[in-house]
């Protein structure tokens, strides 16, 4: 939120802190490999979705379409090429992010924002969140980890029977 506030003071626009927060949360994982993988997926998905969102908004404006139900129907149809593009690029793991970025751009900005400003703000929001998530996730607090105790959790009487005895499993 502090980064968003500082961004509002700059000439590059203010964006929406929601997208940064979601990106940061997605990237924060238990280990560094998963963090890097999620950051990569999110980045690729953001650029693919943003490209399609930009093209969609430019085409809609050039065609003079201003009937929301028609525009939203076309946006729903456009999901197919967005998904297909991630398959062709062999980045299937980025499909969800491509679709969510595309939809967040076209469903919230088609009728009111300049396409380039909307797309740049959406990309910046996500990249800021990815950066924050990766940095935060790389911080390790000093402490002693308990490696001698084995913790077990049972759900739905899997480990503990009704009579509170341990199951044979």
Protein backbone atom coordinates (compact mmCIF):
# COMPACT_ATOMS: atom_id res chain seq x y z
CA UNK A 1 0.00 0.00 0.00
CA UNK A 2 2.94 2.31 0.70
CA UNK A 3 4.29 1.69 -2.80
CA UNK A 4 0.86 2.47 -4.25
CA UNK A 5 0.76 5.70 -2.27
CA UNK A 6 4.20 6.71 -3.55
CA UNK A 7 3.06 5.84 -7.05
CA UNK A 8 0.14 8.28 -6.77
CA UNK A 9 2.71 11.04 -6.28
CA UNK A 10 4.56 10.16 -9.49
CA UNK A 11 3.62 11.02 -13.08
CA UNK A 12 3.19 7.34 -14.05
CA UNK A 13 -0.29 7.03 -12.58
CA UNK A 14 -1.67 5.33 -9.56
CA UNK A 15 -3.11 1.98 -10.66
CA UNK A 16 -4.97 -0.21 -8.19
CA UNK A 17 -3.22 -1.64 -5.13
CA UNK A 18 -5.53 -4.67 -5.23
CA UNK A 19 -3.63 -6.20 -8.16
CA UNK A 20 -0.28 -5.64 -6.46
CA UNK A 21 -1.51 -7.24 -3.25
CA UNK A 22 -2.90 -10.29 -5.05
CA UNK A 23 0.35 -10.72 -7.00
CA UNK A 24 2.45 -10.43 -3.86
CA UNK A 25 0.34 -13.01 -2.06
CA UNK A 26 0.51 -15.42 -4.99
CA UNK A 27 4.30 -15.23 -5.12
CA UNK A 28 4.89 -15.79 -1.40
CA UNK A 29 5.46 -19.53 -1.06
CA UNK A 30 7.18 -21.88 1.39
CA UNK A 31 10.34 -22.21 -0.70
CA UNK A 32 12.37 -20.15 -3.15
CA UNK A 33 11.85 -22.46 -6.13
CA UNK A 34 8.07 -22.21 -5.91
CA UNK A 35 8.31 -18.46 -5.41
CA UNK A 36 10.37 -18.06 -8.59
CA UNK A 37 8.07 -20.38 -10.51
CA UNK A 38 4.95 -18.50 -9.41
CA UNK A 39 6.59 -15.14 -10.16
CA UNK A 40 7.45 -16.35 -13.66
CA UNK A 41 3.94 -17.68 -14.29
CA UNK A 42 2.40 -14.46 -13.07
CA UNK A 43 4.73 -12.31 -15.19
CA UNK A 44 4.18 -14.26 -18.41
CA UNK A 45 0.44 -14.42 -17.81
CA UNK A 46 0.31 -10.70 -17.16
CA UNK A 47 2.03 -9.80 -20.42
CA UNK A 48 -0.07 -12.20 -22.52
CA UNK A 49 -3.34 -11.03 -20.93
CA UNK A 50 -2.32 -7.37 -21.17
CA UNK A 51 -1.45 -7.71 -24.86
CA UNK A 52 -4.82 -9.26 -25.64
CA UNK A 53 -6.58 -6.72 -23.44
CA UNK A 54 -4.91 -3.84 -25.24
CA UNK A 55 -5.73 -5.24 -28.69
CA UNK A 56 -9.32 -5.92 -27.65
CA UNK A 57 -9.87 -2.39 -26.36
CA UNK A 58 -8.31 -0.82 -29.44
CA UNK A 59 -10.45 -2.94 -31.78
CA UNK A 60 -13.65 -2.27 -29.79
CA UNK A 61 -13.01 1.48 -29.88
CA UNK A 62 -12.09 1.46 -33.58
CA UNK A 63 -15.31 -0.44 -34.34
CA UNK A 64 -17.33 2.05 -32.30
CA UNK A 65 -18.91 -0.66 -30.14
CA UNK A 66 -20.40 0.85 -27.02
CA UNK A 67 -23.14 -1.64 -26.10
CA UNK A 68 -21.92 -3.35 -22.92
CA UNK A 69 -23.66 -6.70 -23.47
CA UNK A 70 -22.08 -7.02 -26.94
CA UNK A 71 -18.65 -6.00 -25.70
CA UNK A 72 -18.80 -8.41 -22.77
CA UNK A 73 -19.95 -11.24 -25.03
CA UNK A 74 -17.01 -10.56 -27.35
CA UNK A 75 -14.68 -10.47 -24.35
CA UNK A 76 -15.96 -13.91 -23.32
CA UNK A 77 -15.24 -15.21 -26.83
CA UNK A 78 -11.78 -13.65 -26.76
CA UNK A 79 -10.85 -15.92 -23.83
CA UNK A 80 -10.40 -18.76 -26.35
CA UNK A 81 -7.46 -17.13 -28.19
CA UNK A 82 -5.98 -15.99 -24.87
CA UNK A 83 -5.94 -19.59 -23.65
CA UNK A 84 -4.72 -20.88 -27.01
CA UNK A 85 -1.82 -18.44 -27.02
CA UNK A 86 -0.48 -19.83 -23.75
CA UNK A 87 -0.69 -23.34 -25.21
CA UNK A 88 1.17 -22.28 -28.35
CA UNK A 89 3.83 -20.53 -26.25
CA UNK A 90 4.12 -23.71 -24.13
CA UNK A 91 3.25 -21.69 -21.01
CA UNK A 92 0.10 -23.52 -19.92
CA UNK A 93 0.80 -22.74 -16.27
CA UNK A 94 0.29 -19.04 -17.08
CA UNK A 95 -3.18 -19.56 -18.61
CA UNK A 96 -5.14 -18.59 -15.50
CA UNK A 97 -3.16 -15.36 -15.11
CA UNK A 98 -3.50 -14.49 -18.79
CA UNK A 99 -7.25 -14.87 -18.60
CA UNK A 100 -7.63 -12.98 -15.33
CA UNK A 101 -5.46 -10.08 -16.51
CA UNK A 102 -7.30 -9.93 -19.83
CA UNK A 103 -10.71 -9.91 -18.11
CA UNK A 104 -9.64 -7.41 -15.46
CA UNK A 105 -8.48 -5.03 -18.17
CA UNK A 106 -11.40 -5.29 -20.58
CA UNK A 107 -14.24 -5.60 -18.07
CA UNK A 108 -13.13 -2.62 -16.01
CA UNK A 109 -11.59 -0.29 -18.58
CA UNK A 110 -13.17 -0.77 -22.00
CA UNK A 111 -15.54 2.17 -21.77
CA UNK A 112 -13.65 4.66 -19.66
CA UNK A 113 -9.87 4.48 -19.85
CA UNK A 114 -7.26 5.04 -22.50
CA UNK A 115 -6.19 1.50 -23.50
CA UNK A 116 -2.46 2.16 -23.17
CA UNK A 117 -2.80 3.78 -19.72
CA UNK A 118 -5.05 0.97 -18.46
CA UNK A 119 -2.67 -1.73 -19.69
CA UNK A 120 0.49 -0.05 -18.41
CA UNK A 121 -1.09 0.50 -15.00
CA UNK A 122 -2.24 -3.14 -14.83
CA UNK A 123 1.23 -4.41 -15.78
CA UNK A 124 2.92 -2.11 -13.25
CA UNK A 125 0.50 -3.15 -10.50
CA UNK A 126 1.32 -6.80 -11.08
CA UNK A 127 5.08 -6.34 -11.44
CA UNK A 128 5.19 -4.30 -8.22
CA UNK A 129 3.31 -7.05 -6.40
CA UNK A 130 5.59 -9.75 -7.81
CA UNK A 131 8.65 -7.80 -6.71
CA UNK A 132 7.27 -7.24 -3.22
CA UNK A 133 6.30 -10.90 -2.89
CA UNK A 134 9.72 -12.15 -3.99
CA UNK A 135 11.57 -9.73 -1.70
CA UNK A 136 9.38 -10.48 1.33
CA UNK A 137 9.62 -14.21 0.69
CA UNK A 138 13.42 -14.05 0.58
CA UNK A 139 13.59 -12.65 4.11
CA UNK A 140 14.25 -15.37 6.64
CA UNK A 141 13.89 -14.55 10.30
CA UNK A 142 16.54 -16.05 12.55
CA UNK A 143 15.29 -18.75 14.82
CA UNK A 144 15.66 -22.29 15.91
CA UNK A 145 13.58 -24.76 13.97
CA UNK A 146 12.23 -27.84 15.71
CA UNK A 147 13.36 -30.79 13.62
CA UNK A 148 12.93 -33.39 16.38
CA UNK A 149 9.14 -33.30 16.68
CA UNK A 150 6.86 -34.95 14.14
CA UNK A 151 3.49 -33.21 13.92
CA UNK A 152 0.45 -35.14 12.70
CA UNK A 153 -3.00 -33.81 11.94
CA UNK A 154 -6.09 -35.92 11.49
CA UNK A 155 -9.23 -34.92 9.64
CA UNK A 156 -12.53 -36.82 9.60
CA UNK A 157 -11.39 -39.63 11.93
CA UNK A 158 -8.59 -40.71 9.60
CA UNK A 159 -5.93 -41.00 12.32
CA UNK A 160 -8.02 -41.08 15.49
CA UNK A 161 -10.99 -43.43 15.77
CA UNK A 162 -14.29 -42.54 17.42
CA UNK A 163 -13.09 -44.15 20.66
CA UNK A 164 -10.04 -41.83 20.57
CA UNK A 165 -7.58 -44.61 19.86
CA UNK A 166 -5.03 -44.31 17.09
CA UNK A 167 -5.94 -46.07 13.86
CA UNK A 168 -3.73 -48.88 12.57
CA UNK A 169 -2.79 -46.65 9.66
